[in-house]
Amino acid sequence: MRYFVESYGCTMNYGEGGRLSEIMTEMGHERSLDAESADIVVLNTCTVVDTTEKKMIRRMSELRKAGKEVVVTGCMAKVQANRIMIRLPGSLIIPPDRYPGFSSEIRERYGAGTSDTEIAGYSNILPIAQGCLGDCSYCITKFARGRLSSYDPDEILTRFKTLIGSGVKEILVTAQDTGCYGFDIGTDLPSLLRRMLESKGDFMIRIGMMNPNSLIEIADGLLEVMDDPRIYRFLHIPVQSGSDTILKRMNRSYSTEEFFSVVDKLRSVCPDVSISTDMISGFPGETDEDHQKSLELIRKLKADTVNITRFSPRPGTEAAMMEIVHGRISKDRSAELTEMKNKVEYENNSKIVGRVERVLITENGKDGTMIARTKNYRPVAIPADLPIGSFIDVEITGCESTYLIGKLA
């Protein structure tokens, strides 16, 4: 049968969706280019915020109306199975904790086929764990993913080598909290990365999101492995608020002082490291003073990327029971944070104009451009037709707040 895997949400979910796609192909089913031409749609769901959940519900209704066979995976399959069954009665629902039996459940329902197996593309996502050690008061994902369960390092290494051997040039190592990998099995992320870097070849590794309290535990070892030029000088460290009062209400297990302490350490050893962070606007109990502290944190941090999300109460979480900030106030605060982050990001990018950078071509852009990534994982738009997966030198000729502009050097 023809199948299509449609993923939403975080990098981890896309990585798992990619692996489910490979399993479908290994079973002999034929991959389709889109949902419209597929017999089976694997809907790999996300439910991290209310708007995403509503999008998933709409998509289920669309697929049902189109008469598709739907297999629902991802976080919603774990925490909101009842809502799925209402929209897709009789459909196969496979939550993340049942992925080891994915092929068996698919075979029982749909049988197998005869297509050839292949790993396509220059880039691939490599999940290394399920769950995390946190207990954030707003997070529904912890109900879907559970406590930290790190994958066996030997199995990860086997997968990594298979990807590299197939010609993959970029591997995104990811988890719900990448920084706490191995804490439950007597190892850690730097040890895993060292083993990956023993492989020969011209490739790049991007380290996935890690919470500040996890990063603090492994900072020294991580800085050592980041000396290797095959690891992007890029770290995604979500701070979520500039107010210690709000961080406590979020159960984030660190203070703003501890956050800046580890960031300063990273920058002192690796000055060109690119920092990405996340902020939640309008968290329950957030005052104007708390908001001003978040603005000041963005101004002081000078991160290269700040992802801003308005608070969305999720069912079953502690924060859903808290008194919410009025929507208009939350919206205004989000706009202020966005204005500040755009200013900082543009200032950061302006400092790179005029440099020559070695970049990896990663995707097709708009209006005849190609998108590449610098060693710091910053996107560069290049007006040229270049092969995806190739390394080239470009001169940075301009910028916007969210990307650089370059030409062949």
Protein backbone atom coordinates (compact mmCIF):
# COMPACT_ATOMS: atom_id res chain seq x y z
CA MET A 1 0.00 0.00 0.00
CA ARG A 2 1.04 3.62 -0.53
CA TYR A 3 1.72 5.54 2.68
CA PHE A 4 2.57 9.07 3.79
CA VAL A 5 3.89 10.16 7.19
CA GLU A 6 2.63 13.64 8.15
CA SER A 7 4.48 14.99 11.20
CA TYR A 8 3.90 18.06 13.37
CA GLY A 9 5.61 19.65 16.35
CA CYS A 10 9.15 19.33 17.63
CA THR A 11 12.31 18.02 16.01
CA MET A 12 11.99 14.85 18.06
CA ASN A 13 8.56 14.15 16.58
CA TYR A 14 9.83 14.73 13.04
CA GLY A 15 12.73 12.38 13.75
CA GLU A 16 10.40 9.66 14.97
CA GLY A 17 8.15 10.28 11.98
CA GLY A 18 11.13 9.77 9.71
CA ARG A 19 11.94 6.50 11.38
CA LEU A 20 8.30 5.32 11.15
CA SER A 21 8.46 6.12 7.44
CA GLU A 22 11.55 3.95 7.06
CA ILE A 23 9.83 1.12 8.92
CA MET A 24 6.88 1.35 6.55
CA THR A 25 9.27 1.12 3.60
CA GLU A 26 11.19 -1.75 5.21
CA MET A 27 7.88 -3.60 5.46
CA GLY A 28 7.42 -3.19 1.72
CA HIS A 29 4.90 -0.36 1.62
CA GLU A 30 5.46 2.34 -0.99
CA ARG A 31 6.14 5.89 0.14
CA SER A 32 3.86 8.54 -1.38
CA LEU A 33 4.86 12.16 -1.96
CA ASP A 34 1.73 13.52 -0.28
CA ALA A 35 -1.30 12.51 1.75
CA GLU A 36 -3.66 12.93 -1.19
CA SER A 37 -2.09 10.08 -3.18
CA ALA A 38 -1.58 7.77 -0.19
CA ASP A 39 -3.74 4.87 0.96
CA ILE A 40 -2.47 5.11 4.55
CA VAL A 41 -1.67 8.39 6.31
CA VAL A 42 0.43 8.14 9.47
CA LEU A 43 -0.64 11.30 11.32
CA ASN A 44 2.23 12.02 13.73
CA THR A 45 0.55 14.42 16.13
CA CYS A 46 1.55 17.21 18.48
CA THR A 47 -0.56 18.71 21.26
CA VAL A 48 1.89 21.07 22.97
CA VAL A 49 -0.45 24.10 22.71
CA ASP A 50 -4.17 24.54 22.18
CA THR A 51 -3.85 25.92 18.64
CA THR A 52 -1.84 22.86 17.57
CA GLU A 53 -4.38 20.49 19.14
CA LYS A 54 -7.19 22.18 17.21
CA LYS A 55 -5.15 21.88 14.02
CA MET A 56 -4.76 18.14 14.64
CA ILE A 57 -8.52 17.73 15.15
CA ARG A 58 -9.24 19.58 11.90
CA ARG A 59 -6.72 17.43 10.05
CA MET A 60 -8.30 14.23 11.35
CA SER A 61 -11.69 15.36 10.08
CA GLU A 62 -10.18 16.18 6.67
CA LEU A 63 -8.52 12.78 6.37
CA ARG A 64 -11.69 10.98 7.42
CA LYS A 65 -13.70 12.93 4.83
CA ALA A 66 -11.12 11.99 2.19
CA GLY A 67 -11.61 8.32 3.04
CA LYS A 68 -8.04 7.69 4.13
CA GLU A 69 -6.81 4.91 6.37
CA VAL A 70 -5.25 6.83 9.27
CA VAL A 71 -2.68 5.65 11.80
CA VAL A 72 -2.36 8.21 14.61
CA THR A 73 1.00 8.46 16.39
CA GLY A 74 2.80 11.12 18.45
CA CYS A 75 1.88 12.80 21.72
CA MET A 76 -1.85 13.14 21.10
CA ALA A 77 -2.08 9.38 20.61
CA LYS A 78 -0.96 8.98 24.22
CA VAL A 79 -2.76 11.74 26.10
CA GLN A 80 -5.91 12.37 24.06
CA ALA A 81 -6.83 9.02 22.51
CA ASN A 82 -10.51 9.59 23.28
CA ARG A 83 -10.59 12.74 21.15
CA ILE A 84 -8.97 10.81 18.31
CA MET A 85 -11.49 7.98 18.48
CA ILE A 86 -14.35 10.47 18.19
CA ARG A 87 -12.89 11.90 14.98
CA LEU A 88 -11.45 8.66 13.59
CA PRO A 89 -13.45 5.70 14.94
CA GLY A 90 -11.73 2.40 14.30
CA SER A 91 -8.40 3.94 13.35
CA LEU A 92 -5.11 2.52 14.58
CA ILE A 93 -3.67 4.59 17.44
CA ILE A 94 -0.02 3.96 18.32
CA PRO A 95 1.49 6.23 21.03
CA PRO A 96 5.26 6.68 21.40
CA ASP A 97 5.61 4.03 24.10
CA ARG A 98 4.33 1.45 21.60
CA TYR A 99 6.73 2.35 18.78
CA PRO A 100 8.80 -0.82 19.37
CA GLY A 101 5.74 -2.77 18.20
CA PHE A 102 4.84 -0.38 15.37
CA SER A 103 5.73 -2.82 12.59
CA SER A 104 3.74 -5.64 14.22
CA GLU A 105 0.62 -3.49 14.56
CA ILE A 106 0.92 -2.23 10.99
CA ARG A 107 1.45 -5.76 9.66
CA GLU A 108 -1.57 -7.06 11.56
CA ARG A 109 -3.82 -4.30 10.17
CA TYR A 110 -2.42 -3.74 6.66
CA GLY A 111 -0.05 -6.60 5.89
CA ALA A 112 3.27 -6.04 4.08
CA GLY A 113 4.42 -5.17 0.56
CA THR A 114 7.42 -5.53 -1.72
CA SER A 115 9.02 -2.06 -2.09
CA ASP A 116 12.78 -1.63 -1.68
CA THR A 117 14.26 -0.03 1.45
CA GLU A 118 16.25 3.19 1.18
CA ILE A 119 17.38 6.10 3.32
CA ALA A 120 16.78 9.30 1.39
CA GLY A 121 18.08 12.85 1.77
CA TYR A 122 21.16 14.62 2.97
CA SER A 123 19.73 15.34 6.47
CA ASN A 124 18.25 13.05 9.11
CA ILE A 125 16.96 13.35 12.67
CA LEU A 126 18.30 10.91 15.25
CA PRO A 127 16.20 10.62 18.46
CA ILE A 128 18.28 9.36 21.40
CA ALA A 129 15.76 9.18 24.28
CA GLN A 130 12.13 9.33 25.32
CA GLY A 131 10.84 11.52 28.14
CA CYS A 132 12.71 13.83 30.49
CA LEU A 133 13.51 14.40 34.16
CA GLY A 134 11.57 17.65 34.45
CA ASP A 135 8.18 18.38 35.96
CA CYS A 136 7.22 21.67 34.32
CA SER A 137 3.83 22.85 35.52
CA TYR A 138 2.61 23.73 32.01
CA CYS A 139 3.83 20.72 30.04
CA ILE A 140 1.45 18.11 28.62
CA THR A 141 4.27 16.37 26.76
CA LYS A 142 5.52 14.77 29.99
CA PHE A 143 2.24 12.79 30.13
CA ALA A 144 2.85 11.53 26.59
CA ARG A 145 6.56 10.80 26.88
CA GLY A 146 6.96 9.92 30.56
CA ARG A 147 10.19 9.89 32.54
CA LEU A 148 13.58 9.76 30.89
CA SER A 149 14.29 6.53 29.02
CA SER A 150 17.60 6.81 27.16
CA TYR A 151 18.19 4.59 24.15
CA ASP A 152 21.08 2.15 24.17
CA PRO A 153 24.24 3.97 22.98
CA ASP A 154 25.38 1.01 20.86
CA GLU A 155 22.06 0.99 19.00
CA ILE A 156 22.26 4.76 18.49
CA LEU A 157 25.81 4.41 17.15
CA THR A 158 24.75 1.68 14.74
CA ARG A 159 21.98 3.92 13.44
CA PHE A 160 24.36 6.89 13.21
CA LYS A 161 26.90 4.93 11.17
CA THR A 162 24.17 3.65 8.86
CA LEU A 163 23.09 7.22 8.17
CA ILE A 164 26.63 8.46 7.54
CA GLY A 165 27.34 5.46 5.32
CA SER A 166 24.25 6.22 3.24
CA GLY A 167 25.50 9.72 2.43
CA VAL A 168 23.65 11.76 5.06
CA LYS A 169 25.55 15.02 5.65
CA GLU A 170 23.62 16.51 8.57
CA ILE A 171 22.34 14.67 11.63
CA LEU A 172 20.12 16.35 14.22
CA VAL A 173 20.66 14.56 17.54
CA THR A 174 17.53 15.16 19.58
CA ALA A 175 15.33 14.25 22.55
CA GLN A 176 12.70 15.93 24.68
CA ASP A 177 15.66 17.18 26.74
CA THR A 178 18.82 16.21 24.88
CA GLY A 179 21.05 17.38 27.73
CA CYS A 180 19.87 14.71 30.18
CA TYR A 181 20.59 11.81 27.81
CA GLY A 182 22.16 8.90 29.66
CA PHE A 183 21.51 10.12 33.20
CA ASP A 184 19.35 7.03 33.74
CA ILE A 185 21.79 4.50 32.26
CA GLY A 186 25.15 5.66 33.61
CA THR A 187 26.39 7.70 30.66
CA ASP A 188 25.92 11.19 29.19
CA LEU A 189 25.58 13.17 25.97
CA PRO A 190 29.26 14.16 25.60
CA SER A 191 30.27 10.48 25.78
CA LEU A 192 27.77 9.61 23.04
CA LEU A 193 28.95 12.48 20.83
CA ARG A 194 32.60 11.44 21.24
CA ARG A 195 31.73 8.00 19.90
CA MET A 196 29.87 9.54 16.97
CA LEU A 197 32.88 11.70 16.12
CA GLU A 198 35.08 8.62 15.83
CA SER A 199 33.39 8.09 12.45
CA LYS A 200 35.27 9.47 9.48
CA GLY A 201 33.60 11.74 6.98
CA ASP A 202 32.47 15.23 6.09
CA PHE A 203 29.26 15.65 8.09
CA MET A 204 27.68 17.99 10.62
CA ILE A 205 25.94 17.20 13.92
CA ARG A 206 23.38 19.54 15.44
CA ILE A 207 22.74 19.09 19.15
CA GLY A 208 19.06 19.33 20.08
CA MET A 209 17.25 21.33 22.73
CA MET A 210 18.48 20.97 26.31
CA ASN A 211 17.13 22.49 29.50
CA PRO A 212 19.51 24.73 31.48
CA ASN A 213 19.61 22.48 34.53
CA SER A 214 20.63 19.50 32.36
CA LEU A 215 23.23 21.53 30.48
CA ILE A 216 24.82 22.64 33.75
CA GLU A 217 25.62 19.00 34.53
CA ILE A 218 27.46 18.33 31.25
CA ALA A 219 28.82 21.75 30.22
CA ASP A 220 32.52 20.87 30.57
CA GLY A 221 32.29 17.68 28.54
CA LEU A 222 30.07 19.31 25.94
CA LEU A 223 32.54 22.15 25.40
CA GLU A 224 35.29 19.59 24.83
CA VAL A 225 33.42 17.77 22.04
CA MET A 226 32.34 21.05 20.46
CA ASP A 227 35.98 21.62 19.56
CA ASP A 228 35.35 19.25 16.66
CA PRO A 229 34.37 21.33 13.58
CA ARG A 230 31.78 18.70 12.65
CA ILE A 231 29.53 19.85 15.49
CA TYR A 232 27.54 23.02 14.88
CA ARG A 233 28.45 25.82 17.31
CA PHE A 234 24.78 26.02 18.20
CA LEU A 235 22.84 25.27 21.37
CA HIS A 236 19.11 25.57 22.00
CA ILE A 237 18.64 26.40 25.70
CA PRO A 238 15.06 27.44 26.56
CA VAL A 239 14.93 29.85 29.50
CA GLN A 240 11.13 30.48 29.26
CA SER A 241 11.08 33.59 31.51
CA GLY A 242 13.34 36.31 32.83
CA SER A 243 11.60 36.27 36.21
CA ASP A 244 12.70 33.88 38.95
CA THR A 245 9.19 34.10 40.41
CA ILE A 246 7.67 32.80 37.19
CA LEU A 247 10.39 30.16 36.77
CA LYS A 248 9.41 28.79 40.19
CA ARG A 249 5.74 28.69 39.16
CA MET A 250 6.84 26.84 36.03
CA ASN A 251 8.85 24.31 38.12
CA ARG A 252 11.88 24.96 35.89
CA SER A 253 14.52 23.98 38.53
CA TYR A 254 16.97 26.83 37.84
CA SER A 255 17.24 30.57 38.33
CA THR A 256 18.06 33.28 35.81
CA GLU A 257 21.43 33.63 37.53
CA GLU A 258 22.18 29.95 36.97
CA PHE A 259 21.04 30.26 33.36
CA PHE A 260 23.40 33.16 32.68
CA SER A 261 26.19 31.41 34.55
CA VAL A 262 26.18 28.44 32.17
CA VAL A 263 25.73 30.68 29.09
CA ASP A 264 28.71 32.83 30.17
CA LYS A 265 30.76 29.67 30.62
CA LEU A 266 29.89 28.48 27.14
CA ARG A 267 30.76 31.82 25.59
CA SER A 268 34.03 32.14 27.50
CA VAL A 269 35.30 28.86 26.03
CA CYS A 270 33.45 28.98 22.68
CA PRO A 271 32.93 32.70 21.89
CA ASP A 272 31.22 32.07 18.55
CA VAL A 273 28.58 29.70 19.93
CA SER A 274 25.10 30.57 18.66
CA ILE A 275 22.46 30.56 21.40
CA SER A 276 18.79 29.91 20.74
CA THR A 277 16.21 30.19 23.51
CA ASP A 278 12.45 30.06 24.14
CA MET A 279 10.17 32.42 26.06
CA ILE A 280 6.57 31.97 27.21
CA SER A 281 4.53 35.17 27.31
CA GLY A 282 1.61 35.61 29.71
CA PHE A 283 2.26 32.68 32.03
CA PRO A 284 -0.28 32.57 34.90
CA GLY A 285 0.61 35.09 37.58
CA GLU A 286 2.98 37.04 35.32
CA THR A 287 3.02 40.72 36.34
CA ASP A 288 4.24 43.75 34.41
CA GLU A 289 7.44 43.54 36.46
CA ASP A 290 7.94 39.89 35.47
CA HIS A 291 7.39 40.84 31.83
CA GLN A 292 9.96 43.63 32.04
CA LYS A 293 12.47 41.13 33.41
CA SER A 294 11.87 38.92 30.37
CA LEU A 295 12.47 41.90 28.07
CA GLU A 296 15.67 42.66 29.92
CA LEU A 297 16.82 39.05 29.66
CA ILE A 298 16.44 39.14 25.86
CA ARG A 299 18.34 42.44 25.75
CA LYS A 300 21.13 41.09 27.96
CA LEU A 301 21.36 37.58 26.49
CA LYS A 302 21.68 38.76 22.87
CA ALA A 303 20.60 35.33 21.62
CA ASP A 304 20.73 34.65 17.90
CA THR A 305 17.23 33.14 17.96
CA VAL A 306 14.38 33.63 20.43
CA ASN A 307 11.18 31.59 19.99
CA ILE A 308 8.24 33.30 21.68
CA THR A 309 5.00 31.47 22.55
CA ARG A 310 1.92 32.81 24.28
CA PHE A 311 0.88 30.66 27.23
CA SER A 312 -1.73 28.05 26.41
CA PRO A 313 -3.28 26.00 29.26
CA ARG A 314 -3.08 22.28 28.62
CA PRO A 315 -5.54 19.80 30.18
CA GLY A 316 -4.29 17.94 33.22
CA THR A 317 -1.37 20.26 33.93
CA GLU A 318 -0.84 22.22 37.12
CA ALA A 319 -0.70 25.51 35.22
CA ALA A 320 -4.14 24.89 33.72
CA MET A 321 -5.56 25.38 37.22
CA MET A 322 -3.80 28.72 37.75
CA GLU A 323 -5.38 32.12 37.17
CA ILE A 324 -4.54 33.08 33.60
CA VAL A 325 -3.35 36.42 32.28
CA HIS A 326 -5.94 38.20 30.11
CA GLY A 327 -5.50 37.35 26.44
CA ARG A 328 -5.10 40.98 25.36
CA ILE A 329 -2.34 41.53 27.90
CA SER A 330 -0.57 38.34 26.88
CA LYS A 331 -0.82 39.35 23.21
CA ASP A 332 0.63 42.82 23.90
CA ARG A 333 3.48 41.36 25.91
CA SER A 334 4.23 38.83 23.18
CA ALA A 335 4.43 41.68 20.66
CA GLU A 336 6.87 43.59 22.87
CA LEU A 337 9.06 40.53 23.30
CA THR A 338 8.99 39.93 19.55
CA GLU A 339 9.99 43.53 18.82
CA MET A 340 12.90 43.26 21.22
CA LYS A 341 14.10 39.91 19.90
CA ASN A 342 13.92 41.10 16.27
CA LYS A 343 16.11 44.08 17.16
CA VAL A 344 18.69 41.91 18.93
CA GLU A 345 18.74 39.26 16.20
CA TYR A 346 19.26 41.89 13.50
CA GLU A 347 22.14 43.45 15.46
CA ASN A 348 23.76 40.03 15.82
CA ASN A 349 23.41 39.21 12.12
CA SER A 350 24.73 42.63 11.07
CA LYS A 351 28.06 41.84 12.72
CA ILE A 352 28.56 38.90 10.34
CA VAL A 353 28.12 40.88 7.12
CA GLY A 354 31.38 40.91 5.18
CA ARG A 355 32.68 37.58 6.47
CA VAL A 356 33.40 34.52 4.36
CA GLU A 357 31.78 31.41 5.84
CA ARG A 358 31.90 27.72 4.98
CA VAL A 359 28.30 26.56 4.74
CA LEU A 360 26.30 23.41 4.11
CA ILE A 361 23.54 23.69 1.50
CA THR A 362 20.41 22.35 3.20
CA GLU A 363 17.28 23.15 1.18
CA ASN A 364 15.63 25.08 -1.63
CA GLY A 365 14.64 28.61 -0.72
CA LYS A 366 12.24 31.13 -2.24
CA ASP A 367 12.66 32.96 -5.54
CA GLY A 368 15.45 30.80 -6.89
CA THR A 369 17.61 30.83 -3.76
CA MET A 370 19.22 28.02 -1.80
CA ILE A 371 19.31 27.91 2.01
CA ALA A 372 22.56 26.99 3.71
CA ARG A 373 23.76 26.76 7.32
CA THR A 374 26.91 28.31 8.74
CA LYS A 375 29.05 26.55 11.36
CA ASN A 376 26.81 28.30 13.93
CA TYR A 377 23.66 26.94 12.23
CA ARG A 378 22.59 30.38 11.03
CA PRO A 379 20.53 30.24 7.81
CA VAL A 380 21.96 31.91 4.70
CA ALA A 381 19.93 32.64 1.56
CA ILE A 382 22.07 32.32 -1.59
CA PRO A 383 20.80 33.33 -5.07
CA ALA A 384 22.28 30.35 -6.91
CA ASP A 385 21.43 26.82 -7.99
CA LEU A 386 23.57 24.58 -5.78
CA PRO A 387 23.42 20.87 -4.90
CA ILE A 388 21.82 20.12 -1.54
CA GLY A 389 24.30 18.46 0.80
CA SER A 390 27.37 20.25 -0.57
CA PHE A 391 29.82 22.38 1.39
CA ILE A 392 30.82 25.72 -0.15
CA ASP A 393 32.33 29.08 0.83
CA VAL A 394 30.07 32.13 0.73
CA GLU A 395 30.52 35.81 1.44
CA ILE A 396 27.84 37.27 3.72
CA THR A 397 26.56 40.35 1.90
CA GLY A 398 23.49 41.31 3.94
CA CYS A 399 20.96 40.19 6.51
CA GLU A 400 17.50 40.33 7.98
CA SER A 401 16.67 39.61 11.62
CA THR A 402 16.06 35.91 10.96
CA TYR A 403 18.57 35.06 8.24
CA LEU A 404 21.74 36.06 6.41
CA ILE A 405 22.18 36.80 2.69
CA GLY A 406 25.24 35.51 0.84
CA LYS A 407 26.93 34.98 -2.49
CA LEU A 408 29.52 32.50 -3.71
CA ALA A 409 32.95 33.54 -2.47
